[in-house]
Amino acid sequence: MDLLLNDFDEIVKNLLQGLKCSRNETKSYIDGIFKQFVKAEKTPEKKIIILEFSRAKEEYSFERFQNLADWLFFAITLYPKHLNSCPQNYYSSIARISYYRCYKILDGKWPLFEEMADRFNYFVEQIRPFSEPFIGPFIGP
C-alpha cells in the first residue's frame, strides 16, 4: 500500500506542477486534499452531502464546511462519475459556498479559502484532464 501511496504522491506532484494559483499555500493545500482522502478509510456518502451542508450552516462550523468542500473537490476532480445523482454544478456550488464560508468564518485571515471558492471550477478543469490517465490504477476498471 505504501508503494501505491508514494506513486500517487508523485502523480499529484506532477498534476499540480503547472497549476496557476495566486498563493503558494493554495497549491500546497490542494496537494494536502488529495493526500488526505487517498489515505482516508471513510469518506462522506453522496446521499448525505446536502445534510452535511445543512449541518455546517446550522452550526456555522468551519470544520464541517472545510471537510465537505475538500471531499467534493477531491471527488469532482478525480472521481466525477461517483457524483452522478445531481448535475456537477450542484456539487461544485456546494463546495464553492463551503469554501467561502470557511473564509468568512476565519474573518478573511486565510485567503486561500477565498481562492478555492473563486477558482474552484478552474482548478477542477485544469487538474481533471491530466489525472484521468494516471488514476485508473488506483480505482480499477
Protein backbone atom coordinates (compact mmCIF):
# COMPACT_ATOMS: atom_id res chain seq x y z
CA MET A 1 0.00 0.00 0.00
CA ASP A 2 2.82 2.43 0.84
CA LEU A 3 4.27 1.94 -2.65
CA LEU A 4 0.92 2.91 -4.21
CA LEU A 5 0.69 5.96 -1.97
CA ASN A 6 4.22 7.01 -2.92
CA ASP A 7 3.31 6.62 -6.60
CA PHE A 8 0.15 8.63 -6.03
CA ASP A 9 2.13 11.38 -4.27
CA GLU A 10 4.38 11.64 -7.32
CA ILE A 11 1.37 11.76 -9.66
CA VAL A 12 -0.23 14.54 -7.61
CA LYS A 13 3.01 16.48 -7.62
CA ASN A 14 3.09 16.26 -11.42
CA LEU A 15 -0.60 17.19 -11.73
CA LEU A 16 -0.11 20.34 -9.69
CA GLN A 17 3.15 21.42 -11.26
CA GLY A 18 1.58 23.71 -13.89
CA LEU A 19 -1.42 24.80 -11.81
CA LYS A 20 -1.57 28.58 -11.51
CA CYS A 21 -2.55 29.76 -8.04
CA SER A 22 -2.49 33.26 -6.58
CA ARG A 23 -0.81 31.90 -3.46
CA ASN A 24 1.76 29.15 -2.98
CA GLU A 25 -0.16 27.88 0.03
CA THR A 26 -3.21 27.21 -2.18
CA LYS A 27 -1.28 24.70 -4.26
CA SER A 28 0.04 23.09 -1.08
CA TYR A 29 -3.48 22.98 0.30
CA ILE A 30 -4.77 21.21 -2.83
CA ASP A 31 -1.91 18.71 -2.55
CA GLY A 32 -2.98 18.06 1.04
CA ILE A 33 -6.58 17.43 -0.02
CA PHE A 34 -5.52 14.65 -2.37
CA LYS A 35 -3.21 13.08 0.21
CA GLN A 36 -5.87 13.27 2.92
CA PHE A 37 -8.58 11.44 1.00
CA VAL A 38 -6.38 8.85 -0.69
CA LYS A 39 -5.35 7.70 2.78
CA ALA A 40 -8.82 8.07 4.31
CA GLU A 41 -10.71 4.98 5.32
CA LYS A 42 -14.08 6.70 5.41
CA THR A 43 -15.48 9.48 3.24
CA PRO A 44 -18.89 11.16 3.16
CA GLU A 45 -21.60 9.33 1.29
CA LYS A 46 -23.21 11.03 -1.71
CA LYS A 47 -26.65 10.90 -0.22
CA ILE A 48 -25.71 12.94 2.85
CA ILE A 49 -23.97 15.85 1.13
CA ILE A 50 -26.95 18.18 1.47
CA LEU A 51 -27.48 17.06 5.06
CA GLU A 52 -23.84 17.75 5.88
CA PHE A 53 -24.11 21.16 4.23
CA SER A 54 -27.24 21.90 6.28
CA ARG A 55 -25.49 20.86 9.49
CA ALA A 56 -22.49 23.03 8.66
CA LYS A 57 -24.80 26.01 8.06
CA GLU A 58 -26.80 25.37 11.22
CA GLU A 59 -23.67 25.06 13.37
CA TYR A 60 -21.68 27.63 11.37
CA SER A 61 -18.91 25.03 11.59
CA PHE A 62 -15.59 25.70 9.92
CA GLU A 63 -14.62 22.04 10.20
CA ARG A 64 -17.82 20.78 8.57
CA PHE A 65 -17.63 23.32 5.73
CA GLN A 66 -13.96 22.54 5.15
CA ASN A 67 -14.35 18.75 5.21
CA LEU A 68 -17.33 18.86 2.86
CA ALA A 69 -15.67 21.24 0.40
CA ASP A 70 -12.40 19.27 0.43
CA TRP A 71 -14.15 15.97 -0.17
CA LEU A 72 -16.20 17.44 -3.01
CA PHE A 73 -13.05 18.91 -4.58
CA PHE A 74 -11.38 15.51 -4.40
CA ALA A 75 -14.38 13.63 -5.79
CA ILE A 76 -15.24 16.12 -8.55
CA THR A 77 -11.63 16.32 -9.68
CA LEU A 78 -10.62 12.67 -9.60
CA TYR A 79 -13.84 10.65 -9.47
CA PRO A 80 -16.60 12.71 -11.13
CA LYS A 81 -18.64 9.62 -12.04
CA HIS A 82 -19.04 8.93 -8.32
CA LEU A 83 -21.23 12.03 -8.06
CA ASN A 84 -23.97 11.22 -10.52
CA SER A 85 -27.26 11.81 -8.73
CA CYS A 86 -27.24 15.59 -9.41
CA PRO A 87 -25.63 17.83 -12.02
CA GLN A 88 -21.96 18.55 -11.34
CA ASN A 89 -22.64 22.27 -10.94
CA TYR A 90 -24.81 21.40 -7.91
CA TYR A 91 -21.85 19.75 -6.17
CA SER A 92 -19.46 22.49 -7.31
CA SER A 93 -21.78 25.15 -5.92
CA ILE A 94 -21.93 23.46 -2.53
CA ALA A 95 -18.13 23.20 -2.47
CA ARG A 96 -17.63 26.82 -3.52
CA ILE A 97 -20.11 28.11 -0.94
CA SER A 98 -18.48 25.95 1.73
CA TYR A 99 -15.00 27.27 0.95
CA TYR A 100 -16.33 30.82 1.02
CA ARG A 101 -17.96 30.18 4.40
CA CYS A 102 -14.57 28.95 5.67
CA TYR A 103 -13.06 32.23 4.51
CA LYS A 104 -15.79 34.25 6.25
CA ILE A 105 -15.64 32.22 9.48
CA LEU A 106 -11.91 33.00 9.66
CA ASP A 107 -12.67 36.71 9.08
CA GLY A 108 -10.68 36.64 5.83
CA LYS A 109 -7.45 35.77 7.65
CA TRP A 110 -6.69 32.81 5.39
CA PRO A 111 -7.35 33.98 1.82
CA LEU A 112 -6.63 30.60 0.27
CA PHE A 113 -10.24 29.65 1.09
CA GLU A 114 -11.45 32.62 -0.92
CA GLU A 115 -9.25 31.49 -3.81
CA MET A 116 -10.59 27.95 -3.52
CA ALA A 117 -14.14 29.34 -3.69
CA ASP A 118 -13.47 31.77 -6.53
CA ARG A 119 -11.34 29.46 -8.67
CA PHE A 120 -12.84 26.09 -7.80
CA ASN A 121 -14.03 25.33 -11.33
CA TYR A 122 -10.71 26.48 -12.83
CA PHE A 123 -8.77 24.14 -10.53
CA VAL A 124 -11.05 21.21 -11.38
CA GLU A 125 -10.83 21.92 -15.13
CA GLN A 126 -7.04 22.19 -15.00
CA ILE A 127 -6.41 19.05 -12.94
CA ARG A 128 -9.05 16.60 -14.17
CA PRO A 129 -7.89 16.05 -17.78
CA PHE A 130 -4.36 15.30 -16.64
CA SER A 131 -5.47 12.99 -13.85
CA GLU A 132 -7.55 10.56 -15.91
CA PRO A 133 -4.65 8.58 -17.42
CA PHE A 134 -2.98 8.20 -14.03
CA ILE A 135 -5.91 7.46 -11.73
CA GLY A 136 -7.01 4.21 -13.39
CA PRO A 137 -4.58 2.00 -11.45
CA PHE A 138 -5.91 3.42 -8.18
CA ILE A 139 -9.63 2.99 -8.86
CA GLY A 140 -9.68 -0.07 -11.03
CA PRO A 141 -11.64 -0.64 -14.25
